[in-house]
Protein backbone atom coordinates (compact mmCIF):
# COMPACT_ATOMS: atom_id res chain seq x y z
CA MET A 1 4.61 18.49 -0.05
CA ASN A 2 4.09 20.83 -2.99
CA ALA A 3 1.03 20.94 -5.26
CA LEU A 4 2.49 18.60 -7.91
CA GLU A 5 3.55 16.06 -5.28
CA ARG A 6 0.13 16.21 -3.62
CA SER A 7 -1.62 15.71 -6.95
CA ILE A 8 0.68 12.84 -7.99
CA ARG A 9 0.23 11.12 -4.63
CA ALA A 10 -3.57 11.40 -4.90
CA HIS A 11 -3.41 10.01 -8.46
CA ILE A 12 -1.31 7.05 -7.27
CA MET A 13 -3.72 6.31 -4.41
CA ARG A 14 -6.77 6.45 -6.70
CA SER A 15 -5.07 4.18 -9.21
CA LEU A 16 -4.13 1.62 -6.56
CA ARG A 17 -7.64 1.75 -5.07
CA ASP A 18 -9.40 1.51 -8.43
CA THR A 19 -7.11 -0.85 -10.38
CA SER A 20 -4.81 -2.45 -7.77
CA ALA A 21 -1.85 -1.11 -9.76
CA PRO A 22 0.12 2.13 -9.70
CA PRO A 23 0.19 4.42 -12.74
CA SER A 24 3.29 4.49 -14.92
CA LEU A 25 5.64 7.47 -15.10
CA ASP A 26 4.21 8.27 -18.54
CA GLU A 27 0.63 8.16 -17.23
CA LEU A 28 1.52 10.47 -14.36
CA ALA A 29 3.39 12.88 -16.64
CA THR A 30 0.49 13.05 -19.10
CA ALA A 31 -2.15 13.45 -16.39
CA HIS A 32 -0.21 16.27 -14.74
CA ASP A 33 0.99 17.95 -17.94
CA THR A 34 4.64 17.59 -17.01
CA THR A 35 7.71 15.55 -17.90
CA THR A 36 8.66 12.10 -16.67
CA ASP A 37 11.76 13.70 -15.12
CA ALA A 38 9.54 16.03 -13.08
CA VAL A 39 7.40 13.05 -12.03
CA ARG A 40 10.49 11.06 -11.07
CA GLU A 41 11.73 14.02 -9.00
CA ALA A 42 8.33 14.30 -7.28
CA LEU A 43 8.32 10.56 -6.52
CA HIS A 44 11.77 10.76 -4.95
CA SER A 45 10.64 13.73 -2.87
CA LEU A 46 7.52 11.82 -1.74
CA ALA A 47 9.71 8.86 -0.82
CA ALA A 48 12.02 11.10 1.21
CA GLN A 49 8.92 12.34 3.08
CA HIS A 50 7.83 8.71 3.74
CA ARG A 51 4.64 9.30 1.73
CA LEU A 52 5.45 6.30 -0.48
CA ALA A 53 8.30 3.86 -1.05
CA LEU A 54 10.18 3.23 -4.28
CA ARG A 55 11.75 -0.08 -5.25
CA PRO A 56 15.46 0.09 -4.46
CA ASP A 57 16.38 -1.76 -7.67
CA THR A 58 14.24 0.10 -10.22
CA GLY A 59 12.88 3.25 -8.58
CA ALA A 60 9.33 2.12 -9.47
CA ILE A 61 6.48 2.66 -7.02
CA TRP A 62 6.67 -0.12 -4.44
CA MET A 63 4.34 0.99 -1.65
CA ALA A 64 1.84 3.79 -1.23
CA HIS A 65 0.52 2.91 2.17
CA PRO A 66 -1.68 1.11 2.75
CA PHE A 67 -1.34 -0.38 -0.74
CA SER A 68 1.49 -2.50 -2.09
CA ALA A 69 2.24 -2.24 -5.81
CA VAL A 70 3.86 -5.70 -5.79
CA PRO A 71 2.53 -9.11 -4.71
CA THR A 72 2.75 -9.77 -0.97
CA ASP A 73 1.58 -12.40 1.50
CA PHE A 74 -1.27 -10.09 2.53
CA VAL A 75 -4.22 -10.23 0.12
CA VAL A 76 -7.20 -8.02 0.89
CA THR A 77 -10.58 -8.77 -0.69
CA SER A 78 -13.78 -6.74 -0.66
CA GLY A 79 -16.60 -7.82 -2.94
CA HIS A 80 -15.04 -9.03 -6.18
CA ARG A 81 -11.90 -6.90 -5.90
CA SER A 82 -8.57 -7.53 -4.26
CA TRP A 83 -5.41 -5.64 -3.36
CA TRP A 84 -2.01 -6.42 -1.90
CA ALA A 85 -1.20 -4.95 1.48
CA ASN A 86 2.25 -4.56 3.00
CA CYS A 87 1.23 -6.04 6.37
CA VAL A 88 -1.83 -6.78 8.49
CA TRP A 89 -1.98 -3.16 9.65
CA ASP A 90 -2.14 -1.94 6.04
CA GLY A 91 -4.66 -4.66 5.18
CA PHE A 92 -7.04 -3.32 7.80
CA ALA A 93 -6.43 0.21 6.50
CA ILE A 94 -7.42 -0.89 2.98
CA LEU A 95 -10.63 -2.40 4.36
CA GLY A 96 -11.24 0.88 6.16
CA LEU A 97 -11.05 2.63 2.78
CA VAL A 98 -13.03 0.18 0.62
CA GLY A 99 -15.46 -1.43 3.05
CA ASP A 100 -15.99 -4.79 4.67
CA GLY A 101 -14.08 -7.83 3.48
CA TRP A 102 -11.21 -10.02 4.54
CA LEU A 103 -7.46 -10.27 4.67
CA ASP A 104 -5.79 -13.58 3.81
CA THR A 105 -2.26 -14.28 4.98
CA ARG A 106 -0.19 -17.02 6.59
CA SER A 107 1.26 -17.54 10.01
CA PRO A 108 4.97 -16.73 9.83
CA GLN A 109 5.59 -19.43 12.43
CA THR A 110 3.54 -22.34 11.07
CA GLY A 111 2.64 -21.37 7.51
CA ASP A 112 -1.03 -22.02 8.28
CA SER A 113 -3.57 -19.91 6.40
CA ILE A 114 -5.15 -17.07 8.35
CA ARG A 115 -8.25 -15.11 7.36
CA LEU A 116 -9.08 -11.92 9.23
CA THR A 117 -12.58 -10.63 8.51
CA VAL A 118 -14.04 -7.15 8.86
CA GLU A 119 -17.84 -6.90 9.08
CA ARG A 120 -19.68 -3.62 9.58
CA GLY A 121 -16.34 -1.94 10.15
CA ARG A 122 -15.24 -4.28 12.95
CA VAL A 123 -12.71 -7.10 13.01
CA THR A 124 -14.45 -10.39 13.86
CA GLY A 125 -13.02 -13.43 15.61
CA ASP A 126 -10.39 -13.76 18.27
CA ALA A 127 -7.13 -13.66 16.33
CA ILE A 128 -4.17 -11.81 17.78
CA VAL A 129 -1.92 -9.71 15.55
CA HIS A 130 1.69 -9.22 16.63
CA PHE A 131 3.84 -6.43 15.24
CA LEU A 132 7.47 -7.47 15.44
CA VAL A 133 8.71 -3.95 14.71
CA PRO A 134 7.45 -1.05 16.87
CA ALA A 135 5.62 1.58 14.80
CA ARG A 136 8.25 4.22 15.58
CA HIS A 137 10.78 2.03 13.73
CA PHE A 138 8.68 1.09 10.66
CA TRP A 139 10.64 3.39 8.33
CA ASP A 140 14.03 2.18 9.58
CA ASP A 141 13.60 -0.63 7.02
CA ILE A 142 10.14 -0.32 5.50
CA GLY A 143 10.67 -3.35 3.24
CA PHE A 144 11.28 -5.60 6.25
CA THR A 145 8.56 -4.04 8.36
């Protein structure tokens, strides 16, 4: 990862943390005193390194783990703020970054609502989380994972 890529990635992460949305190509270009083409090239390089994921249809920022830039079934809340996560694992990672809160999702089997709560940095309750895809295969199809 070169200096521009590192800086762009940090900018994306701050934006997702602070606003729940990724910055636009224009915002990134302006903030880094470069062109949108250079930003696009950096984003594609970051995606190739598995540092973020781009939408296959538009090339827009899709995921910058643990954050999702698009609505998902995993909504993380801390205080009065909320974010989309890509999965339960990422939801817990967001709470690790922003502090205590909860993750709302649904059972894929029954559709029942599930709330997983983190208090004082620890998951409470007795829920079990199952990862269908082994971690070593997450990037085989990151959109499915």
